[in-house]
Amino acid sequence: MKTSTTTTNQTSRRRRIRAKIIGTAARPRLAVHKSIKHLRVQLIDDTAGKTLASLSTLTLKIKGGVEAATQLGQAVAAQALSLGIKEVVFDRGGYPYHGQVKAVAEAARAEGLKF
């Protein structure tokens, strides 16, 4: 079965981004993943190989597009600040920086996270 061009392009974008972005304990990686129905966000320490925090629209029980992404960004920023994390590295996961991905980033910045 032949893979689609969109899938292979996104995979190569994701690999290119991940080669440059590394999360540490002091400045973890804020990774965004989109599925058809839900949006997931994780704070990842790549040096230790651990996920520090994880939230999704499924766990928060919110639906919608950009509005849900904004609420998710606010929630992940609040959780990061409660863990003592003030700076993160943003990993858009190969997705274009607009729409839901942009809403997560801007909401997290507005709540006090620095990228």
PDB file of N, CA and C in Angstrom:
ATOM      1  N   MET A   1       0.839  -1.167   0.000  1.00  0.00           N
ATOM      2  CA  MET A   1       0.000   0.000   0.000  1.00  0.00           C
ATOM      3  C   MET A   1       0.889   1.237   0.000  1.00  0.00           C
ATOM      4  N   LYS A   2       0.592   2.130  -0.864  1.00  0.00           N
ATOM      5  CA  LYS A   2       1.380   3.349  -0.995  1.00  0.00           C
ATOM      6  C   LYS A   2       0.931   4.376   0.045  1.00  0.00           C
ATOM      7  N   THR A   3       1.900   5.013   0.725  1.00  0.00           N
ATOM      8  CA  THR A   3       1.555   6.039   1.702  1.00  0.00           C
ATOM      9  C   THR A   3       1.280   7.345   0.976  1.00  0.00           C
ATOM     10  N   SER A   4       0.446   8.159   1.580  1.00  0.00           N
ATOM     11  CA  SER A   4       0.091   9.409   0.929  1.00  0.00           C
ATOM     12  C   SER A   4       1.226  10.422   1.047  1.00  0.00           C
ATOM     13  N   THR A   5       1.236  11.360   0.148  1.00  0.00           N
ATOM     14  CA  THR A   5       2.261  12.396   0.139  1.00  0.00           C
ATOM     15  C   THR A   5       2.153  13.271   1.375  1.00  0.00           C
ATOM     16  N   THR A   6       0.928  13.532   1.819  1.00  0.00           N
ATOM     17  CA  THR A   6       0.723  14.365   3.005  1.00  0.00           C
ATOM     18  C   THR A   6       1.358  13.728   4.227  1.00  0.00           C
ATOM     19  N   THR A   7       1.184  12.425   4.401  1.00  0.00           N
ATOM     20  CA  THR A   7       1.744  11.718   5.544  1.00  0.00           C
ATOM     21  C   THR A   7       3.266  11.741   5.511  1.00  0.00           C
ATOM     22  N   THR A   8       3.845  11.491   4.370  1.00  0.00           N
ATOM     23  CA  THR A   8       5.305  11.475   4.287  1.00  0.00           C
ATOM     24  C   THR A   8       5.883  12.875   4.455  1.00  0.00           C
ATOM     25  N   ASN A   9       5.203  13.894   3.946  1.00  0.00           N
ATOM     26  CA  ASN A   9       5.681  15.263   4.132  1.00  0.00           C
ATOM     27  C   ASN A   9       5.637  15.666   5.592  1.00  0.00           C
ATOM     28  N   GLN A  10       4.568  15.318   6.277  1.00  0.00           N
ATOM     29  CA  GLN A  10       4.464  15.666   7.687  1.00  0.00           C
ATOM     30  C   GLN A  10       5.504  14.910   8.513  1.00  0.00           C
ATOM     31  N   THR A  11       5.751  13.654   8.178  1.00  0.00           N
ATOM     32  CA  THR A  11       6.754  12.879   8.890  1.00  0.00           C
ATOM     33  C   THR A  11       8.132  13.489   8.714  1.00  0.00           C
ATOM     34  N   SER A  12       8.471  13.922   7.526  1.00  0.00           N
ATOM     35  CA  SER A  12       9.785  14.529   7.315  1.00  0.00           C
ATOM     36  C   SER A  12       9.879  15.886   8.002  1.00  0.00           C
ATOM     37  N   ARG A  13       8.784  16.659   8.031  1.00  0.00           N
ATOM     38  CA  ARG A  13       8.790  17.921   8.780  1.00  0.00           C
ATOM     39  C   ARG A  13       8.974  17.660  10.265  1.00  0.00           C
ATOM     40  N   ARG A  14       8.286  16.653  10.794  1.00  0.00           N
ATOM     41  CA  ARG A  14       8.386  16.309  12.208  1.00  0.00           C
ATOM     42  C   ARG A  14       9.810  15.898  12.572  1.00  0.00           C
ATOM     43  N   ARG A  15      10.435  15.088  11.739  1.00  0.00           N
ATOM     44  CA  ARG A  15      11.817  14.658  12.007  1.00  0.00           C
ATOM     45  C   ARG A  15      12.791  15.816  11.940  1.00  0.00           C
ATOM     46  N   ARG A  16      12.587  16.704  10.997  1.00  0.00           N
ATOM     47  CA  ARG A  16      13.461  17.875  10.858  1.00  0.00           C
ATOM     48  C   ARG A  16      13.349  18.785  12.086  1.00  0.00           C
ATOM     49  N   ILE A  17      12.135  18.978  12.562  1.00  0.00           N
ATOM     50  CA  ILE A  17      11.916  19.804  13.747  1.00  0.00           C
ATOM     51  C   ILE A  17      12.515  19.139  14.982  1.00  0.00           C
ATOM     52  N   ARG A  18      12.288  17.834  15.156  1.00  0.00           N
ATOM     53  CA  ARG A  18      12.767  17.123  16.341  1.00  0.00           C
ATOM     54  C   ARG A  18      14.283  17.016  16.384  1.00  0.00           C
ATOM     55  N   ALA A  19      14.946  17.133  15.250  1.00  0.00           N
ATOM     56  CA  ALA A  19      16.402  17.109  15.243  1.00  0.00           C
ATOM     57  C   ALA A  19      16.972  18.376  15.869  1.00  0.00           C
ATOM     58  N   LYS A  20      16.199  19.449  15.855  1.00  0.00           N
ATOM     59  CA  LYS A  20      16.673  20.734  16.362  1.00  0.00           C
ATOM     60  C   LYS A  20      16.147  21.064  17.756  1.00  0.00           C
ATOM     61  N   ILE A  21      15.032  20.474  18.152  1.00  0.00           N
ATOM     62  CA  ILE A  21      14.388  20.813  19.418  1.00  0.00           C
ATOM     63  C   ILE A  21      14.604  19.695  20.429  1.00  0.00           C
ATOM     64  N   ILE A  22      15.165  20.058  21.586  1.00  0.00           N
ATOM     65  CA  ILE A  22      15.388  19.095  22.656  1.00  0.00           C
ATOM     66  C   ILE A  22      14.890  19.713  23.956  1.00  0.00           C
ATOM     67  N   GLY A  23      14.071  18.977  24.681  1.00  0.00           N
ATOM     68  CA  GLY A  23      13.559  19.446  25.953  1.00  0.00           C
ATOM     69  C   GLY A  23      14.430  18.979  27.099  1.00  0.00           C
ATOM     70  N   THR A  24      14.638  19.828  28.074  1.00  0.00           N
ATOM     71  CA  THR A  24      15.398  19.476  29.265  1.00  0.00           C
ATOM     72  C   THR A  24      14.482  19.595  30.479  1.00  0.00           C
ATOM     73  N   ALA A  25      15.007  19.280  31.656  1.00  0.00           N
ATOM     74  CA  ALA A  25      14.194  19.388  32.868  1.00  0.00           C
ATOM     75  C   ALA A  25      13.859  20.847  33.161  1.00  0.00           C
ATOM     76  N   ALA A  26      14.810  21.749  32.902  1.00  0.00           N
ATOM     77  CA  ALA A  26      14.582  23.168  33.157  1.00  0.00           C
ATOM     78  C   ALA A  26      13.692  23.795  32.083  1.00  0.00           C
ATOM     79  N   ARG A  27      13.803  23.301  30.859  1.00  0.00           N
ATOM     80  CA  ARG A  27      13.030  23.847  29.740  1.00  0.00           C
ATOM     81  C   ARG A  27      12.493  22.691  28.894  1.00  0.00           C
ATOM     82  N   PRO A  28      11.380  22.084  29.329  1.00  0.00           N
ATOM     83  CA  PRO A  28      10.852  20.924  28.609  1.00  0.00           C
ATOM     84  C   PRO A  28      10.227  21.293  27.267  1.00  0.00           C
ATOM     85  N   ARG A  29      10.004  20.264  26.486  1.00  0.00           N
ATOM     86  CA  ARG A  29       9.399  20.441  25.168  1.00  0.00           C
ATOM     87  C   ARG A  29       7.885  20.377  25.297  1.00  0.00           C
ATOM     88  N   LEU A  30       7.205  21.382  24.762  1.00  0.00           N
ATOM     89  CA  LEU A  30       5.744  21.416  24.738  1.00  0.00           C
ATOM     90  C   LEU A  30       5.313  20.875  23.380  1.00  0.00           C
ATOM     91  N   ALA A  31       4.949  19.597  23.344  1.00  0.00           N
ATOM     92  CA  ALA A  31       4.624  18.914  22.093  1.00  0.00           C
ATOM     93  C   ALA A  31       3.119  18.899  21.873  1.00  0.00           C
ATOM     94  N   VAL A  32       2.701  19.221  20.653  1.00  0.00           N
ATOM     95  CA  VAL A  32       1.291  19.249  20.273  1.00  0.00           C
ATOM     96  C   VAL A  32       1.024  18.123  19.286  1.00  0.00           C
ATOM     97  N   HIS A  33      -0.068  17.394  19.509  1.00  0.00           N
ATOM     98  CA  HIS A  33      -0.489  16.357  18.570  1.00  0.00           C
ATOM     99  C   HIS A  33      -1.970  16.538  18.284  1.00  0.00           C
ATOM    100  N   LYS A  34      -2.317  16.525  17.013  1.00  0.00           N
ATOM    101  CA  LYS A  34      -3.706  16.669  16.597  1.00  0.00           C
ATOM    102  C   LYS A  34      -4.204  15.351  16.022  1.00  0.00           C
ATOM    103  N   SER A  35      -5.421  14.981  16.408  1.00  0.00           N
ATOM    104  CA  SER A  35      -6.109  13.888  15.736  1.00  0.00           C
ATOM    105  C   SER A  35      -7.357  14.486  15.093  1.00  0.00           C
ATOM    106  N   ILE A  36      -8.172  13.667  14.522  1.00  0.00           N
ATOM    107  CA  ILE A  36      -9.362  14.187  13.855  1.00  0.00           C
ATOM    108  C   ILE A  36     -10.308  14.848  14.854  1.00  0.00           C
ATOM    109  N   LYS A  37     -10.476  14.232  16.039  1.00  0.00           N
ATOM    110  CA  LYS A  37     -11.421  14.751  17.019  1.00  0.00           C
ATOM    111  C   LYS A  37     -10.778  15.525  18.163  1.00  0.00           C
ATOM    112  N   HIS A  38      -9.555  15.187  18.530  1.00  0.00           N
ATOM    113  CA  HIS A  38      -8.979  15.725  19.758  1.00  0.00           C
ATOM    114  C   HIS A  38      -7.594  16.327  19.539  1.00  0.00           C
ATOM    115  N   LEU A  39      -7.175  17.067  20.541  1.00  0.00           N
ATOM    116  CA  LEU A  39      -5.876  17.731  20.550  1.00  0.00           C
ATOM    117  C   LEU A  39      -5.172  17.318  21.833  1.00  0.00           C
ATOM    118  N   ARG A  40      -3.899  16.937  21.732  1.00  0.00           N
ATOM    119  CA  ARG A  40      -3.134  16.500  22.904  1.00  0.00           C
ATOM    120  C   ARG A  40      -1.886  17.362  23.046  1.00  0.00           C
ATOM    121  N   VAL A  41      -1.536  17.658  24.298  1.00  0.00           N
ATOM    122  CA  VAL A  41      -0.351  18.467  24.598  1.00  0.00           C
ATOM    123  C   VAL A  41       0.424  17.766  25.699  1.00  0.00           C
ATOM    124  N   GLN A  42       1.755  17.691  25.538  1.00  0.00           N
ATOM    125  CA  GLN A  42       2.606  17.071  26.546  1.00  0.00           C
ATOM    126  C   GLN A  42       3.788  17.971  26.853  1.00  0.00           C
ATOM    127  N   LEU A  43       4.235  17.938  28.094  1.00  0.00           N
ATOM    128  CA  LEU A  43       5.504  18.550  28.490  1.00  0.00           C
ATOM    129  C   LEU A  43       6.485  17.408  28.665  1.00  0.00           C
ATOM    130  N   ILE A  44       7.553  17.398  27.857  1.00  0.00           N
ATOM    131  CA  ILE A  44       8.452  16.250  27.795  1.00  0.00           C
ATOM    132  C   ILE A  44       9.877  16.677  28.116  1.00  0.00           C
ATOM    133  N   ASP A  45      10.523  15.913  29.011  1.00  0.00           N
ATOM    134  CA  ASP A  45      11.946  16.070  29.305  1.00  0.00           C
ATOM    135  C   ASP A  45      12.679  15.011  28.487  1.00  0.00           C
ATOM    136  N   ASP A  46      13.300  15.420  27.388  1.00  0.00           N
ATOM    137  CA  ASP A  46      13.948  14.469  26.483  1.00  0.00           C
ATOM    138  C   ASP A  46      15.229  13.886  27.059  1.00  0.00           C
ATOM    139  N   THR A  47      15.920  14.636  27.914  1.00  0.00           N
ATOM    140  CA  THR A  47      17.173  14.116  28.475  1.00  0.00           C
ATOM    141  C   THR A  47      16.915  12.934  29.401  1.00  0.00           C
ATOM    142  N   ALA A  48      15.833  12.985  30.163  1.00  0.00           N
ATOM    143  CA  ALA A  48      15.483  11.882  31.055  1.00  0.00           C
ATOM    144  C   ALA A  48      14.520  10.903  30.401  1.00  0.00           C
ATOM    145  N   GLY A  49      13.909  11.312  29.283  1.00  0.00           N
ATOM    146  CA  GLY A  49      12.955  10.452  28.603  1.00  0.00           C
ATOM    147  C   GLY A  49      11.646  10.313  29.360  1.00  0.00           C
ATOM    148  N   LYS A  50      11.200  11.408  30.003  1.00  0.00           N
ATOM    149  CA  LYS A  50       9.982  11.357  30.805  1.00  0.00           C
ATOM    150  C   LYS A  50       8.981  12.416  30.364  1.00  0.00           C
ATOM    151  N   THR A  51       7.716  12.078  30.487  1.00  0.00           N
ATOM    152  CA  THR A  51       6.647  13.038  30.268  1.00  0.00           C
ATOM    153  C   THR A  51       6.313  13.667  31.613  1.00  0.00           C
ATOM    154  N   LEU A  52       6.453  14.982  31.704  1.00  0.00           N
ATOM    155  CA  LEU A  52       6.215  15.684  32.962  1.00  0.00           C
ATOM    156  C   LEU A  52       4.735  15.976  33.179  1.00  0.00           C
ATOM    157  N   ALA A  53       4.025  16.293  32.115  1.00  0.00           N
ATOM    158  CA  ALA A  53       2.595  16.582  32.203  1.00  0.00           C
ATOM    159  C   ALA A  53       1.952  16.274  30.863  1.00  0.00           C
ATOM    160  N   SER A  54       0.685  15.924  30.909  1.00  0.00           N
ATOM    161  CA  SER A  54      -0.031  15.590  29.689  1.00  0.00           C
ATOM    162  C   SER A  54      -1.491  15.989  29.841  1.00  0.00           C
ATOM    163  N   LEU A  55      -2.016  16.659  28.842  1.00  0.00           N
ATOM    164  CA  LEU A  55      -3.414  17.059  28.821  1.00  0.00           C
ATOM    165  C   LEU A  55      -3.965  16.886  27.417  1.00  0.00           C
ATOM    166  N   SER A  56      -5.256  16.683  27.339  1.00  0.00           N
ATOM    167  CA  SER A  56      -5.908  16.613  26.029  1.00  0.00           C
ATOM    168  C   SER A  56      -7.319  17.158  26.154  1.00  0.00           C
ATOM    169  N   THR A  57      -7.929  17.413  25.019  1.00  0.00           N
ATOM    170  CA  THR A  57      -9.314  17.862  25.033  1.00  0.00           C
ATOM    171  C   THR A  57     -10.220  16.737  25.519  1.00  0.00           C
ATOM    172  N   LEU A  58      -9.769  15.504  25.397  1.00  0.00           N
ATOM    173  CA  LEU A  58     -10.540  14.360  25.885  1.00  0.00           C
ATOM    174  C   LEU A  58     -10.549  14.328  27.410  1.00  0.00           C
ATOM    175  N   THR A  59      -9.399  14.565  28.050  1.00  0.00           N
ATOM    176  CA  THR A  59      -9.338  14.545  29.510  1.00  0.00           C
ATOM    177  C   THR A  59     -10.032  15.762  30.119  1.00  0.00           C
ATOM    178  N   LEU A  60      -9.979  16.906  29.421  1.00  0.00           N
ATOM    179  CA  LEU A  60     -10.650  18.104  29.918  1.00  0.00           C
ATOM    180  C   LEU A  60     -12.128  18.130  29.570  1.00  0.00           C
ATOM    181  N   LYS A  61     -12.555  17.190  28.726  1.00  0.00           N
ATOM    182  CA  LYS A  61     -13.950  17.061  28.291  1.00  0.00           C
ATOM    183  C   LYS A  61     -14.468  18.354  27.660  1.00  0.00           C
ATOM    184  N   ILE A  62     -13.678  18.864  26.713  1.00  0.00           N
ATOM    185  CA  ILE A  62     -14.084  20.043  25.955  1.00  0.00           C
ATOM    186  C   ILE A  62     -14.104  19.682  24.479  1.00  0.00           C
ATOM    187  N   LYS A  63     -15.003  20.283  23.743  1.00  0.00           N
ATOM    188  CA  LYS A  63     -15.116  20.029  22.312  1.00  0.00           C
ATOM    189  C   LYS A  63     -15.009  21.340  21.573  1.00  0.00           C
ATOM    190  N   GLY A  64     -14.626  21.254  20.333  1.00  0.00           N
ATOM    191  CA  GLY A  64     -14.541  22.443  19.508  1.00  0.00           C
ATOM    192  C   GLY A  64     -13.171  22.554  18.890  1.00  0.00           C
ATOM    193  N   GLY A  65     -12.991  23.573  18.108  1.00  0.00           N
ATOM    194  CA  GLY A  65     -11.732  23.753  17.397  1.00  0.00           C
ATOM    195  C   GLY A  65     -10.792  24.673  18.137  1.00  0.00           C
ATOM    196  N   VAL A  66     -10.745  25.910  17.698  1.00  0.00           N
ATOM    197  CA  VAL A  66      -9.802  26.881  18.231  1.00  0.00           C
ATOM    198  C   VAL A  66     -10.141  27.228  19.681  1.00  0.00           C
ATOM    199  N   GLU A  67     -11.423  27.240  20.033  1.00  0.00           N
ATOM    200  CA  GLU A  67     -11.816  27.553  21.404  1.00  0.00           C
ATOM    201  C   GLU A  67     -11.306  26.492  22.372  1.00  0.00           C
ATOM    202  N   ALA A  68     -11.421  25.244  21.991  1.00  0.00           N
ATOM    203  CA  ALA A  68     -10.925  24.148  22.821  1.00  0.00           C
ATOM    204  C   ALA A  68      -9.404  24.196  22.918  1.00  0.00           C
ATOM    205  N   ALA A  69      -8.753  24.563  21.825  1.00  0.00           N
ATOM    206  CA  ALA A  69      -7.295  24.670  21.825  1.00  0.00           C
ATOM    207  C   ALA A  69      -6.835  25.786  22.751  1.00  0.00           C
ATOM    208  N   THR A  70      -7.592  26.872  22.801  1.00  0.00           N
ATOM    209  CA  THR A  70      -7.267  27.975  23.701  1.00  0.00           C
ATOM    210  C   THR A  70      -7.395  27.528  25.154  1.00  0.00           C
ATOM    211  N   GLN A  71      -8.460  26.817  25.479  1.00  0.00           N
ATOM    212  CA  GLN A  71      -8.647  26.314  26.841  1.00  0.00           C
ATOM    213  C   GLN A  71      -7.559  25.323  27.208  1.00  0.00           C
ATOM    214  N   LEU A  72      -7.154  24.491  26.252  1.00  0.00           N
ATOM    215  CA  LEU A  72      -6.095  23.516  26.486  1.00  0.00           C
ATOM    216  C   LEU A  72      -4.761  24.211  26.734  1.00  0.00           C
ATOM    217  N   GLY A  73      -4.470  25.260  25.982  1.00  0.00           N
ATOM    218  CA  GLY A  73      -3.243  26.027  26.198  1.00  0.00           C
ATOM    219  C   GLY A  73      -3.207  26.678  27.563  1.00  0.00           C
ATOM    220  N   GLN A  74      -4.331  27.213  28.002  1.00  0.00           N
ATOM    221  CA  GLN A  74      -4.406  27.813  29.339  1.00  0.00           C
ATOM    222  C   GLN A  74      -4.215  26.760  30.420  1.00  0.00           C
ATOM    223  N   ALA A  75      -4.818  25.593  30.231  1.00  0.00           N
ATOM    224  CA  ALA A  75      -4.717  24.525  31.228  1.00  0.00           C
ATOM    225  C   ALA A  75      -3.302  23.973  31.326  1.00  0.00           C
ATOM    226  N   VAL A  76      -2.642  23.791  30.188  1.00  0.00           N
ATOM    227  CA  VAL A  76      -1.278  23.249  30.232  1.00  0.00           C
ATOM    228  C   VAL A  76      -0.314  24.276  30.818  1.00  0.00           C
ATOM    229  N   ALA A  77      -0.549  25.559  30.578  1.00  0.00           N
ATOM    230  CA  ALA A  77       0.300  26.590  31.175  1.00  0.00           C
ATOM    231  C   ALA A  77       0.121  26.612  32.689  1.00  0.00           C
ATOM    232  N   ALA A  78      -1.109  26.485  33.159  1.00  0.00           N
ATOM    233  CA  ALA A  78      -1.359  26.454  34.598  1.00  0.00           C
ATOM    234  C   ALA A  78      -0.703  25.240  35.243  1.00  0.00           C
ATOM    235  N   GLN A  79      -0.771  24.104  34.561  1.00  0.00           N
ATOM    236  CA  GLN A  79      -0.153  22.888  35.089  1.00  0.00           C
ATOM    237  C   GLN A  79       1.368  23.017  35.096  1.00  0.00           C
ATOM    238  N   ALA A  80       1.935  23.612  34.058  1.00  0.00           N
ATOM    239  CA  ALA A  80       3.389  23.799  33.999  1.00  0.00           C
ATOM    240  C   ALA A  80       3.860  24.749  35.094  1.00  0.00           C
ATOM    241  N   LEU A  81       3.137  25.829  35.293  1.00  0.00           N
ATOM    242  CA  LEU A  81       3.512  26.784  36.331  1.00  0.00           C
ATOM    243  C   LEU A  81       3.392  26.171  37.719  1.00  0.00           C
ATOM    244  N   SER A  82       2.432  25.271  37.921  1.00  0.00           N
ATOM    245  CA  SER A  82       2.312  24.596  39.213  1.00  0.00           C
ATOM    246  C   SER A  82       3.474  23.624  39.449  1.00  0.00           C
ATOM    247  N   LEU A  83       4.075  23.121  38.369  1.00  0.00           N
ATOM    248  CA  LEU A  83       5.254  22.258  38.479  1.00  0.00           C
ATOM    249  C   LEU A  83       6.544  23.062  38.595  1.00  0.00           C
ATOM    250  N   GLY A  84       6.445  24.380  38.488  1.00  0.00           N
ATOM    251  CA  GLY A  84       7.625  25.226  38.590  1.00  0.00           C
ATOM    252  C   GLY A  84       8.321  25.452  37.259  1.00  0.00           C
ATOM    253  N   ILE A  85       7.651  25.159  36.172  1.00  0.00           N
ATOM    254  CA  ILE A  85       8.214  25.327  34.835  1.00  0.00           C
ATOM    255  C   ILE A  85       7.730  26.658  34.281  1.00  0.00           C
ATOM    256  N   LYS A  86       8.680  27.532  33.904  1.00  0.00           N
ATOM    257  CA  LYS A  86       8.317  28.848  33.386  1.00  0.00           C
ATOM    258  C   LYS A  86       8.681  29.011  31.919  1.00  0.00           C
ATOM    259  N   GLU A  87       9.628  28.192  31.449  1.00  0.00           N
ATOM    260  CA  GLU A  87      10.064  28.270  30.047  1.00  0.00           C
ATOM    261  C   GLU A  87       9.934  26.907  29.399  1.00  0.00           C
ATOM    262  N   VAL A  88       9.484  26.896  28.150  1.00  0.00           N
ATOM    263  CA  VAL A  88       9.358  25.658  27.387  1.00  0.00           C
ATOM    264  C   VAL A  88       9.883  25.879  25.972  1.00  0.00           C
ATOM    265  N   VAL A  89      10.093  24.771  25.282  1.00  0.00           N
ATOM    266  CA  VAL A  89      10.429  24.785  23.862  1.00  0.00           C
ATOM    267  C   VAL A  89       9.200  24.268  23.135  1.00  0.00           C
ATOM    268  N   PHE A  90       8.684  25.019  22.179  1.00  0.00           N
ATOM    269  CA  PHE A  90       7.440  24.645  21.504  1.00  0.00           C
ATOM    270  C   PHE A  90       7.728  23.722  20.332  1.00  0.00           C
ATOM    271  N   ASP A  91       7.063  22.576  20.314  1.00  0.00           N
ATOM    272  CA  ASP A  91       7.171  21.594  19.234  1.00  0.00           C
ATOM    273  C   ASP A  91       5.804  21.468  18.582  1.00  0.00           C
ATOM    274  N   ARG A  92       5.675  22.021  17.384  1.00  0.00           N
ATOM    275  CA  ARG A  92       4.386  22.011  16.700  1.00  0.00           C
ATOM    276  C   ARG A  92       4.096  20.677  16.038  1.00  0.00           C
ATOM    277  N   GLY A  93       5.023  19.755  16.071  1.00  0.00           N
ATOM    278  CA  GLY A  93       4.775  18.400  15.594  1.00  0.00           C
ATOM    279  C   GLY A  93       4.610  18.262  14.103  1.00  0.00           C
ATOM    280  N   GLY A  94       5.147  19.180  13.335  1.00  0.00           N
ATOM    281  CA  GLY A  94       5.035  19.098  11.886  1.00  0.00           C
ATOM    282  C   GLY A  94       3.776  19.734  11.338  1.00  0.00           C
ATOM    283  N   TYR A  95       2.919  20.238  12.220  1.00  0.00           N
ATOM    284  CA  TYR A  95       1.695  20.901  11.779  1.00  0.00           C
ATOM    285  C   TYR A  95       1.996  22.361  11.465  1.00  0.00           C
ATOM    286  N   PRO A  96       1.289  22.968  10.531  1.00  0.00           N
ATOM    287  CA  PRO A  96       1.478  24.400  10.263  1.00  0.00           C
ATOM    288  C   PRO A  96       1.114  25.231  11.490  1.00  0.00           C
ATOM    289  N   TYR A  97       1.797  26.334  11.672  1.00  0.00           N
ATOM    290  CA  TYR A  97       1.553  27.190  12.834  1.00  0.00           C
ATOM    291  C   TYR A  97       0.382  28.130  12.540  1.00  0.00           C
ATOM    292  N   HIS A  98      -0.819  27.591  12.579  1.00  0.00           N
ATOM    293  CA  HIS A  98      -2.037  28.386  12.483  1.00  0.00           C
ATOM    294  C   HIS A  98      -3.177  27.552  13.031  1.00  0.00           C
ATOM    295  N   GLY A  99      -4.294  28.197  13.274  1.00  0.00           N
ATOM    296  CA  GLY A  99      -5.458  27.484  13.774  1.00  0.00           C
ATOM    297  C   GLY A  99      -5.274  27.003  15.197  1.00  0.00           C
ATOM    298  N   GLN A 100      -5.499  25.708  15.418  1.00  0.00           N
ATOM    299  CA  GLN A 100      -5.459  25.131  16.755  1.00  0.00           C
ATOM    300  C   GLN A 100      -4.062  25.172  17.362  1.00  0.00           C
ATOM    301  N   VAL A 101      -3.040  24.899  16.574  1.00  0.00           N
ATOM    302  CA  VAL A 101      -1.672  24.899  17.079  1.00  0.00           C
ATOM    303  C   VAL A 101      -1.288  26.300  17.553  1.00  0.00           C
ATOM    304  N   LYS A 102      -1.623  27.292  16.781  1.00  0.00           N
ATOM    305  CA  LYS A 102      -1.346  28.680  17.144  1.00  0.00           C
ATOM    306  C   LYS A 102      -2.139  29.089  18.384  1.00  0.00           C
ATOM    307  N   ALA A 103      -3.378  28.630  18.492  1.00  0.00           N
ATOM    308  CA  ALA A 103      -4.216  28.959  19.648  1.00  0.00           C
ATOM    309  C   ALA A 103      -3.633  28.382  20.933  1.00  0.00           C
ATOM    310  N   VAL A 104      -3.106  27.159  20.879  1.00  0.00           N
ATOM    311  CA  VAL A 104      -2.472  26.553  22.059  1.00  0.00           C
ATOM    312  C   VAL A 104      -1.264  27.381  22.477  1.00  0.00           C
ATOM    313  N   ALA A 105      -0.428  27.748  21.516  1.00  0.00           N
ATOM    314  CA  ALA A 105       0.789  28.498  21.816  1.00  0.00           C
ATOM    315  C   ALA A 105       0.472  29.879  22.387  1.00  0.00           C
ATOM    316  N   GLU A 106      -0.448  30.590  21.777  1.00  0.00           N
ATOM    317  CA  GLU A 106      -0.765  31.941  22.238  1.00  0.00           C
ATOM    318  C   GLU A 106      -1.441  31.932  23.604  1.00  0.00           C
ATOM    319  N   ALA A 107      -2.292  30.940  23.864  1.00  0.00           N
ATOM    320  CA  ALA A 107      -2.945  30.856  25.173  1.00  0.00           C
ATOM    321  C   ALA A 107      -1.929  30.527  26.260  1.00  0.00           C
ATOM    322  N   ALA A 108      -0.989  29.650  25.958  1.00  0.00           N
ATOM    323  CA  ALA A 108       0.052  29.314  26.937  1.00  0.00           C
ATOM    324  C   ALA A 108       0.942  30.523  27.224  1.00  0.00           C
ATOM    325  N   ARG A 109       1.266  31.285  26.186  1.00  0.00           N
ATOM    326  CA  ARG A 109       2.056  32.505  26.378  1.00  0.00           C
ATOM    327  C   ARG A 109       1.291  33.516  27.221  1.00  0.00           C
ATOM    328  N   ALA A 110       0.004  33.655  26.957  1.00  0.00           N
ATOM    329  CA  ALA A 110      -0.811  34.617  27.694  1.00  0.00           C
ATOM    330  C   ALA A 110      -0.914  34.256  29.179  1.00  0.00           C
ATOM    331  N   GLU A 111      -0.834  32.968  29.499  1.00  0.00           N
ATOM    332  CA  GLU A 111      -0.907  32.527  30.893  1.00  0.00           C
ATOM    333  C   GLU A 111       0.425  32.636  31.621  1.00  0.00           C
ATOM    334  N   GLY A 112       1.518  32.931  30.894  1.00  0.00           N
ATOM    335  CA  GLY A 112       2.795  33.152  31.568  1.00  0.00           C
ATOM    336  C   GLY A 112       3.943  32.240  31.168  1.00  0.00           C
ATOM    337  N   LEU A 113       3.721  31.298  30.265  1.00  0.00           N
ATOM    338  CA  LEU A 113       4.832  30.468  29.789  1.00  0.00           C
ATOM    339  C   LEU A 113       5.655  31.234  28.779  1.00  0.00           C
ATOM    340  N   LYS A 114       6.968  31.050  28.822  1.00  0.00           N
ATOM    341  CA  LYS A 114       7.851  31.699  27.860  1.00  0.00           C
ATOM    342  C   LYS A 114       8.365  30.657  26.878  1.00  0.00           C
ATOM    343  N   PHE A 115       8.340  31.016  25.602  1.00  0.00           N
ATOM    344  CA  PHE A 115       8.837  30.140  24.538  1.00  0.00           C
ATOM    345  C   PHE A 115      10.134  30.706  24.026  1.00  0.00           C
TER     346      PHE A 115
END
